Amino acid sequence: ITKRGVTLAKKGKWEEAVQIWEQVIYHEPDNAAAYYNLGVAHEGLGDLESLKTARDLYSRAADYGGNELYTDGIRRVDGIINPG
């Protein structure tokens, strides 16, 4: 199922990717990578609410695992939401 989520994201099918990653988190609620990937899908949607959700998901991923990728996501979205 995770490969499908990645494939959908690479194709820009963000809404479908969101559904896949939500399923992964439902079954694996402590999966940091799944929170990150769900955040990527929300960031891909691009609207303000989705960006805020992405930031929250990146933060949650960082809480579960200290991957620099997760904190980079937080900074990236913060820069979009609050430029300058």
PDB file of N, CA and C in Angstrom:
ATOM      1  N   ILE A   1       0.822  -1.206   0.000  1.00  0.00           N
ATOM      2  CA  ILE A   1       0.000   0.000   0.000  1.00  0.00           C
ATOM      3  C   ILE A   1       0.865   1.268   0.000  1.00  0.00           C
ATOM      4  N   THR A   2       2.022   1.214   0.670  1.00  0.00           N
ATOM      5  CA  THR A   2       2.880   2.396   0.701  1.00  0.00           C
ATOM      6  C   THR A   2       3.435   2.706  -0.690  1.00  0.00           C
ATOM      7  N   LYS A   3       3.760   1.681  -1.462  1.00  0.00           N
ATOM      8  CA  LYS A   3       4.252   1.915  -2.824  1.00  0.00           C
ATOM      9  C   LYS A   3       3.188   2.620  -3.661  1.00  0.00           C
ATOM     10  N   ARG A   4       1.945   2.234  -3.457  1.00  0.00           N
ATOM     11  CA  ARG A   4       0.839   2.875  -4.190  1.00  0.00           C
ATOM     12  C   ARG A   4       0.750   4.354  -3.817  1.00  0.00           C
ATOM     13  N   GLY A   5       0.904   4.667  -2.531  1.00  0.00           N
ATOM     14  CA  GLY A   5       0.864   6.062  -2.096  1.00  0.00           C
ATOM     15  C   GLY A   5       1.967   6.888  -2.728  1.00  0.00           C
ATOM     16  N   VAL A   6       3.157   6.320  -2.797  1.00  0.00           N
ATOM     17  CA  VAL A   6       4.289   7.020  -3.414  1.00  0.00           C
ATOM     18  C   VAL A   6       4.040   7.208  -4.906  1.00  0.00           C
ATOM     19  N   THR A   7       3.543   6.165  -5.555  1.00  0.00           N
ATOM     20  CA  THR A   7       3.263   6.244  -6.992  1.00  0.00           C
ATOM     21  C   THR A   7       2.231   7.325  -7.290  1.00  0.00           C
ATOM     22  N   LEU A   8       1.168   7.372  -6.506  1.00  0.00           N
ATOM     23  CA  LEU A   8       0.135   8.390  -6.706  1.00  0.00           C
ATOM     24  C   LEU A   8       0.707   9.791  -6.523  1.00  0.00           C
ATOM     25  N   ALA A   9       1.542   9.959  -5.505  1.00  0.00           N
ATOM     26  CA  ALA A   9       2.146  11.270  -5.253  1.00  0.00           C
ATOM     27  C   ALA A   9       3.036  11.687  -6.421  1.00  0.00           C
ATOM     28  N   LYS A  10       3.824  10.753  -6.941  1.00  0.00           N
ATOM     29  CA  LYS A  10       4.708  11.075  -8.061  1.00  0.00           C
ATOM     30  C   LYS A  10       3.913  11.490  -9.291  1.00  0.00           C
ATOM     31  N   LYS A  11       2.697  10.981  -9.413  1.00  0.00           N
ATOM     32  CA  LYS A  11       1.838  11.333 -10.543  1.00  0.00           C
ATOM     33  C   LYS A  11       1.019  12.592 -10.264  1.00  0.00           C
ATOM     34  N   GLY A  12       1.169  13.167  -9.070  1.00  0.00           N
ATOM     35  CA  GLY A  12       0.428  14.366  -8.712  1.00  0.00           C
ATOM     36  C   GLY A  12      -1.028  14.106  -8.374  1.00  0.00           C
ATOM     37  N   LYS A  13      -1.361  12.864  -8.073  1.00  0.00           N
ATOM     38  CA  LYS A  13      -2.732  12.512  -7.692  1.00  0.00           C
ATOM     39  C   LYS A  13      -2.858  12.639  -6.175  1.00  0.00           C
ATOM     40  N   TRP A  14      -2.852  13.888  -5.732  1.00  0.00           N
ATOM     41  CA  TRP A  14      -2.738  14.199  -4.308  1.00  0.00           C
ATOM     42  C   TRP A  14      -3.912  13.707  -3.480  1.00  0.00           C
ATOM     43  N   GLU A  15      -5.130  13.877  -3.961  1.00  0.00           N
ATOM     44  CA  GLU A  15      -6.295  13.458  -3.176  1.00  0.00           C
ATOM     45  C   GLU A  15      -6.299  11.951  -2.968  1.00  0.00           C
ATOM     46  N   GLU A  16      -5.924  11.193  -3.994  1.00  0.00           N
ATOM     47  CA  GLU A  16      -5.843   9.739  -3.852  1.00  0.00           C
ATOM     48  C   GLU A  16      -4.705   9.358  -2.915  1.00  0.00           C
ATOM     49  N   ALA A  17      -3.600  10.072  -3.010  1.00  0.00           N
ATOM     50  CA  ALA A  17      -2.460   9.806  -2.125  1.00  0.00           C
ATOM     51  C   ALA A  17      -2.844  10.061  -0.669  1.00  0.00           C
ATOM     52  N   VAL A  18      -3.613  11.125  -0.429  1.00  0.00           N
ATOM     53  CA  VAL A  18      -4.081  11.419   0.935  1.00  0.00           C
ATOM     54  C   VAL A  18      -4.849  10.221   1.481  1.00  0.00           C
ATOM     55  N   GLN A  19      -5.732   9.662   0.686  1.00  0.00           N
ATOM     56  CA  GLN A  19      -6.531   8.517   1.140  1.00  0.00           C
ATOM     57  C   GLN A  19      -5.654   7.318   1.480  1.00  0.00           C
ATOM     58  N   ILE A  20      -4.658   7.060   0.657  1.00  0.00           N
ATOM     59  CA  ILE A  20      -3.755   5.926   0.911  1.00  0.00           C
ATOM     60  C   ILE A  20      -2.993   6.132   2.213  1.00  0.00           C
ATOM     61  N   TRP A  21      -2.401   7.314   2.398  1.00  0.00           N
ATOM     62  CA  TRP A  21      -1.590   7.557   3.591  1.00  0.00           C
ATOM     63  C   TRP A  21      -2.444   7.586   4.854  1.00  0.00           C
ATOM     64  N   GLU A  22      -3.693   8.028   4.735  1.00  0.00           N
ATOM     65  CA  GLU A  22      -4.589   7.966   5.893  1.00  0.00           C
ATOM     66  C   GLU A  22      -4.854   6.516   6.292  1.00  0.00           C
ATOM     67  N   GLN A  23      -4.966   5.633   5.311  1.00  0.00           N
ATOM     68  CA  GLN A  23      -5.145   4.209   5.601  1.00  0.00           C
ATOM     69  C   GLN A  23      -3.922   3.643   6.303  1.00  0.00           C
ATOM     70  N   VAL A  24      -2.738   4.016   5.820  1.00  0.00           N
ATOM     71  CA  VAL A  24      -1.503   3.531   6.440  1.00  0.00           C
ATOM     72  C   VAL A  24      -1.447   3.971   7.906  1.00  0.00           C
ATOM     73  N   ILE A  25      -1.748   5.232   8.164  1.00  0.00           N
ATOM     74  CA  ILE A  25      -1.712   5.748   9.539  1.00  0.00           C
ATOM     75  C   ILE A  25      -2.768   5.070  10.406  1.00  0.00           C
ATOM     76  N   TYR A  26      -3.917   4.779   9.835  1.00  0.00           N
ATOM     77  CA  TYR A  26      -4.954   4.072  10.593  1.00  0.00           C
ATOM     78  C   TYR A  26      -4.423   2.733  11.103  1.00  0.00           C
ATOM     79  N   HIS A  27      -3.678   2.040  10.255  1.00  0.00           N
ATOM     80  CA  HIS A  27      -3.142   0.721  10.622  1.00  0.00           C
ATOM     81  C   HIS A  27      -1.816   0.799  11.370  1.00  0.00           C
ATOM     82  N   GLU A  28      -1.082   1.892  11.170  1.00  0.00           N
ATOM     83  CA  GLU A  28       0.227   2.070  11.814  1.00  0.00           C
ATOM     84  C   GLU A  28       0.318   3.487  12.385  1.00  0.00           C
ATOM     85  N   PRO A  29      -0.376   3.742  13.489  1.00  0.00           N
ATOM     86  CA  PRO A  29      -0.467   5.117  14.004  1.00  0.00           C
ATOM     87  C   PRO A  29       0.844   5.725  14.495  1.00  0.00           C
ATOM     88  N   ASP A  30       1.900   4.940  14.591  1.00  0.00           N
ATOM     89  CA  ASP A  30       3.187   5.501  15.011  1.00  0.00           C
ATOM     90  C   ASP A  30       4.217   5.497  13.880  1.00  0.00           C
ATOM     91  N   ASN A  31       3.745   5.450  12.645  1.00  0.00           N
ATOM     92  CA  ASN A  31       4.608   5.414  11.476  1.00  0.00           C
ATOM     93  C   ASN A  31       4.964   6.840  11.042  1.00  0.00           C
ATOM     94  N   ALA A  32       6.150   7.280  11.433  1.00  0.00           N
ATOM     95  CA  ALA A  32       6.578   8.655  11.148  1.00  0.00           C
ATOM     96  C   ALA A  32       6.608   8.939   9.651  1.00  0.00           C
ATOM     97  N   ALA A  33       7.093   7.999   8.865  1.00  0.00           N
ATOM     98  CA  ALA A  33       7.184   8.207   7.418  1.00  0.00           C
ATOM     99  C   ALA A  33       5.800   8.386   6.795  1.00  0.00           C
ATOM    100  N   ALA A  34       4.811   7.691   7.313  1.00  0.00           N
ATOM    101  CA  ALA A  34       3.448   7.824   6.790  1.00  0.00           C
ATOM    102  C   ALA A  34       2.895   9.223   7.075  1.00  0.00           C
ATOM    103  N   TYR A  35       3.181   9.754   8.263  1.00  0.00           N
ATOM    104  CA  TYR A  35       2.749  11.129   8.575  1.00  0.00           C
ATOM    105  C   TYR A  35       3.438  12.116   7.624  1.00  0.00           C
ATOM    106  N   TYR A  36       4.730  11.886   7.380  1.00  0.00           N
ATOM    107  CA  TYR A  36       5.454  12.761   6.458  1.00  0.00           C
ATOM    108  C   TYR A  36       4.842  12.685   5.058  1.00  0.00           C
ATOM    109  N   ASN A  37       4.614  11.474   4.576  1.00  0.00           N
ATOM    110  CA  ASN A  37       4.065  11.311   3.229  1.00  0.00           C
ATOM    111  C   ASN A  37       2.650  11.872   3.111  1.00  0.00           C
ATOM    112  N   LEU A  38       1.860  11.746   4.157  1.00  0.00           N
ATOM    113  CA  LEU A  38       0.541  12.368   4.159  1.00  0.00           C
ATOM    114  C   LEU A  38       0.702  13.882   4.103  1.00  0.00           C
ATOM    115  N   GLY A  39       1.693  14.403   4.802  1.00  0.00           N
ATOM    116  CA  GLY A  39       1.985  15.836   4.741  1.00  0.00           C
ATOM    117  C   GLY A  39       2.373  16.273   3.340  1.00  0.00           C
ATOM    118  N   VAL A  40       3.192  15.473   2.661  1.00  0.00           N
ATOM    119  CA  VAL A  40       3.582  15.790   1.281  1.00  0.00           C
ATOM    120  C   VAL A  40       2.347  15.856   0.389  1.00  0.00           C
ATOM    121  N   ALA A  41       1.436  14.910   0.567  1.00  0.00           N
ATOM    122  CA  ALA A  41       0.213  14.895  -0.237  1.00  0.00           C
ATOM    123  C   ALA A  41      -0.630  16.137   0.035  1.00  0.00           C
ATOM    124  N   HIS A  42      -0.748  16.524   1.301  1.00  0.00           N
ATOM    125  CA  HIS A  42      -1.505  17.743   1.623  1.00  0.00           C
ATOM    126  C   HIS A  42      -0.796  18.978   1.072  1.00  0.00           C
ATOM    127  N   GLU A  43       0.515  19.002   1.177  1.00  0.00           N
ATOM    128  CA  GLU A  43       1.268  20.130   0.620  1.00  0.00           C
ATOM    129  C   GLU A  43       1.039  20.204  -0.889  1.00  0.00           C
ATOM    130  N   GLY A  44       0.960  19.062  -1.540  1.00  0.00           N
ATOM    131  CA  GLY A  44       0.714  19.022  -2.976  1.00  0.00           C
ATOM    132  C   GLY A  44      -0.635  19.595  -3.360  1.00  0.00           C
ATOM    133  N   LEU A  45      -1.614  19.482  -2.477  1.00  0.00           N
ATOM    134  CA  LEU A  45      -2.931  20.065  -2.750  1.00  0.00           C
ATOM    135  C   LEU A  45      -2.824  21.580  -2.869  1.00  0.00           C
ATOM    136  N   GLY A  46      -1.955  22.186  -2.040  1.00  0.00           N
ATOM    137  CA  GLY A  46      -1.568  23.579  -2.218  1.00  0.00           C
ATOM    138  C   GLY A  46      -2.422  24.672  -1.614  1.00  0.00           C
ATOM    139  N   ASP A  47      -3.664  24.371  -1.192  1.00  0.00           N
ATOM    140  CA  ASP A  47      -4.470  25.437  -0.595  1.00  0.00           C
ATOM    141  C   ASP A  47      -4.007  25.679   0.846  1.00  0.00           C
ATOM    142  N   LEU A  48      -4.369  26.801   1.405  1.00  0.00           N
ATOM    143  CA  LEU A  48      -3.868  27.207   2.720  1.00  0.00           C
ATOM    144  C   LEU A  48      -4.188  26.180   3.807  1.00  0.00           C
ATOM    145  N   GLU A  49      -5.413  25.687   3.844  1.00  0.00           N
ATOM    146  CA  GLU A  49      -5.772  24.695   4.870  1.00  0.00           C
ATOM    147  C   GLU A  49      -4.942  23.427   4.727  1.00  0.00           C
ATOM    148  N   SER A  50      -4.733  22.996   3.489  1.00  0.00           N
ATOM    149  CA  SER A  50      -3.921  21.802   3.255  1.00  0.00           C
ATOM    150  C   SER A  50      -2.476  22.036   3.678  1.00  0.00           C
ATOM    151  N   LEU A  51      -1.972  23.233   3.434  1.00  0.00           N
ATOM    152  CA  LEU A  51      -0.605  23.560   3.854  1.00  0.00           C
ATOM    153  C   LEU A  51      -0.486  23.546   5.377  1.00  0.00           C
ATOM    154  N   LYS A  52      -1.487  24.078   6.061  1.00  0.00           N
ATOM    155  CA  LYS A  52      -1.472  24.043   7.529  1.00  0.00           C
ATOM    156  C   LYS A  52      -1.528  22.604   8.025  1.00  0.00           C
ATOM    157  N   THR A  53      -2.347  21.781   7.371  1.00  0.00           N
ATOM    158  CA  THR A  53      -2.427  20.366   7.735  1.00  0.00           C
ATOM    159  C   THR A  53      -1.085  19.692   7.494  1.00  0.00           C
ATOM    160  N   ALA A  54      -0.451  20.003   6.364  1.00  0.00           N
ATOM    161  CA  ALA A  54       0.862  19.430   6.048  1.00  0.00           C
ATOM    162  C   ALA A  54       1.863  19.773   7.135  1.00  0.00           C
ATOM    163  N   ARG A  55       1.854  21.026   7.583  1.00  0.00           N
ATOM    164  CA  ARG A  55       2.790  21.436   8.630  1.00  0.00           C
ATOM    165  C   ARG A  55       2.568  20.634   9.901  1.00  0.00           C
ATOM    166  N   ASP A  56       1.308  20.452  10.280  1.00  0.00           N
ATOM    167  CA  ASP A  56       0.979  19.668  11.471  1.00  0.00           C
ATOM    168  C   ASP A  56       1.445  18.216  11.320  1.00  0.00           C
ATOM    169  N   LEU A  57       1.274  17.667  10.128  1.00  0.00           N
ATOM    170  CA  LEU A  57       1.682  16.283   9.887  1.00  0.00           C
ATOM    171  C   LEU A  57       3.204  16.146   9.914  1.00  0.00           C
ATOM    172  N   TYR A  58       3.917  17.109   9.360  1.00  0.00           N
ATOM    173  CA  TYR A  58       5.383  17.088   9.426  1.00  0.00           C
ATOM    174  C   TYR A  58       5.846  17.167  10.876  1.00  0.00           C
ATOM    175  N   SER A  59       5.174  17.994  11.650  1.00  0.00           N
ATOM    176  CA  SER A  59       5.505  18.119  13.065  1.00  0.00           C
ATOM    177  C   SER A  59       5.268  16.792  13.793  1.00  0.00           C
ATOM    178  N   ARG A  60       4.172  16.154  13.477  1.00  0.00           N
ATOM    179  CA  ARG A  60       3.862  14.863  14.099  1.00  0.00           C
ATOM    180  C   ARG A  60       4.903  13.815  13.707  1.00  0.00           C
ATOM    181  N   ALA A  61       5.294  13.820  12.433  1.00  0.00           N
ATOM    182  CA  ALA A  61       6.331  12.903  11.969  1.00  0.00           C
ATOM    183  C   ALA A  61       7.621  13.141  12.746  1.00  0.00           C
ATOM    184  N   ALA A  62       7.970  14.405  12.943  1.00  0.00           N
ATOM    185  CA  ALA A  62       9.184  14.745  13.683  1.00  0.00           C
ATOM    186  C   ALA A  62       9.099  14.273  15.132  1.00  0.00           C
ATOM    187  N   ASP A  63       7.907  14.290  15.708  1.00  0.00           N
ATOM    188  CA  ASP A  63       7.724  13.796  17.074  1.00  0.00           C
ATOM    189  C   ASP A  63       8.001  12.295  17.167  1.00  0.00           C
ATOM    190  N   TYR A  64       7.619  11.550  16.124  1.00  0.00           N
ATOM    191  CA  TYR A  64       7.817  10.100  16.121  1.00  0.00           C
ATOM    192  C   TYR A  64       9.230   9.700  15.722  1.00  0.00           C
ATOM    193  N   GLY A  65       9.839  10.473  14.850  1.00  0.00           N
ATOM    194  CA  GLY A  65      11.181  10.136  14.392  1.00  0.00           C
ATOM    195  C   GLY A  65      11.949  11.385  14.053  1.00  0.00           C
ATOM    196  N   GLY A  66      13.186  11.460  14.486  1.00  0.00           N
ATOM    197  CA  GLY A  66      13.964  12.680  14.335  1.00  0.00           C
ATOM    198  C   GLY A  66      14.633  12.830  12.981  1.00  0.00           C
ATOM    199  N   ASN A  67      13.932  12.574  11.902  1.00  0.00           N
ATOM    200  CA  ASN A  67      14.489  12.682  10.566  1.00  0.00           C
ATOM    201  C   ASN A  67      14.529  14.149  10.142  1.00  0.00           C
ATOM    202  N   GLU A  68      15.668  14.590   9.629  1.00  0.00           N
ATOM    203  CA  GLU A  68      15.809  15.984   9.200  1.00  0.00           C
ATOM    204  C   GLU A  68      14.836  16.335   8.079  1.00  0.00           C
ATOM    205  N   LEU A  69      14.451  15.342   7.288  1.00  0.00           N
ATOM    206  CA  LEU A  69      13.474  15.539   6.225  1.00  0.00           C
ATOM    207  C   LEU A  69      12.179  16.112   6.781  1.00  0.00           C
ATOM    208  N   TYR A  70      11.784  15.654   7.955  1.00  0.00           N
ATOM    209  CA  TYR A  70      10.531  16.097   8.567  1.00  0.00           C
ATOM    210  C   TYR A  70      10.614  17.565   8.984  1.00  0.00           C
ATOM    211  N   THR A  71      11.719  17.940   9.595  1.00  0.00           N
ATOM    212  CA  THR A  71      11.874  19.337  10.005  1.00  0.00           C
ATOM    213  C   THR A  71      12.055  20.246   8.791  1.00  0.00           C
ATOM    214  N   ASP A  72      12.673  19.728   7.719  1.00  0.00           N
ATOM    215  CA  ASP A  72      12.770  20.503   6.480  1.00  0.00           C
ATOM    216  C   ASP A  72      11.374  20.788   5.930  1.00  0.00           C
ATOM    217  N   GLY A  73      10.482  19.814   6.030  1.00  0.00           N
ATOM    218  CA  GLY A  73       9.101  19.999   5.581  1.00  0.00           C
ATOM    219  C   GLY A  73       8.418  21.100   6.362  1.00  0.00           C
ATOM    220  N   ILE A  74       8.631  21.119   7.669  1.00  0.00           N
ATOM    221  CA  ILE A  74       8.046  22.163   8.510  1.00  0.00           C
ATOM    222  C   ILE A  74       8.529  23.539   8.052  1.00  0.00           C
ATOM    223  N   ARG A  75       9.835  23.667   7.876  1.00  0.00           N
ATOM    224  CA  ARG A  75      10.404  24.956   7.452  1.00  0.00           C
ATOM    225  C   ARG A  75       9.900  25.364   6.063  1.00  0.00           C
ATOM    226  N   ARG A  76       9.813  24.399   5.163  1.00  0.00           N
ATOM    227  CA  ARG A  76       9.363  24.689   3.805  1.00  0.00           C
ATOM    228  C   ARG A  76       7.927  25.240   3.813  1.00  0.00           C
ATOM    229  N   VAL A  77       7.049  24.561   4.528  1.00  0.00           N
ATOM    230  CA  VAL A  77       5.648  24.994   4.576  1.00  0.00           C
ATOM    231  C   VAL A  77       5.521  26.317   5.324  1.00  0.00           C
ATOM    232  N   ASP A  78       6.280  26.482   6.414  1.00  0.00           N
ATOM    233  CA  ASP A  78       6.264  27.768   7.114  1.00  0.00           C
ATOM    234  C   ASP A  78       6.628  28.907   6.176  1.00  0.00           C
ATOM    235  N   GLY A  79       7.609  28.673   5.284  1.00  0.00           N
ATOM    236  CA  GLY A  79       8.024  29.695   4.333  1.00  0.00           C
ATOM    237  C   GLY A  79       6.942  30.040   3.318  1.00  0.00           C
ATOM    238  N   ILE A  80       6.094  29.052   3.014  1.00  0.00           N
ATOM    239  CA  ILE A  80       4.996  29.299   2.071  1.00  0.00           C
ATOM    240  C   ILE A  80       3.851  30.037   2.778  1.00  0.00           C
ATOM    241  N   ILE A  81       3.541  29.584   3.980  1.00  0.00           N
ATOM    242  CA  ILE A  81       2.429  30.175   4.727  1.00  0.00           C
ATOM    243  C   ILE A  81       2.758  31.591   5.193  1.00  0.00           C
ATOM    244  N   ASN A  82       3.998  31.779   5.657  1.00  0.00           N
ATOM    245  CA  ASN A  82       4.442  33.069   6.184  1.00  0.00           C
ATOM    246  C   ASN A  82       5.691  33.526   5.453  1.00  0.00           C
ATOM    247  N   PRO A  83       5.579  33.948   4.204  1.00  0.00           N
ATOM    248  CA  PRO A  83       6.781  34.346   3.447  1.00  0.00           C
ATOM    249  C   PRO A  83       7.431  35.589   4.040  1.00  0.00           C
ATOM    250  N   GLY A  84       8.758  35.624   3.888  1.00  0.00           N
ATOM    251  CA  GLY A  84       9.481  36.800   4.328  1.00  0.00           C
ATOM    252  C   GLY A  84       9.898  36.646   5.707  1.00  0.00           C
TER     253      GLY A  84
END
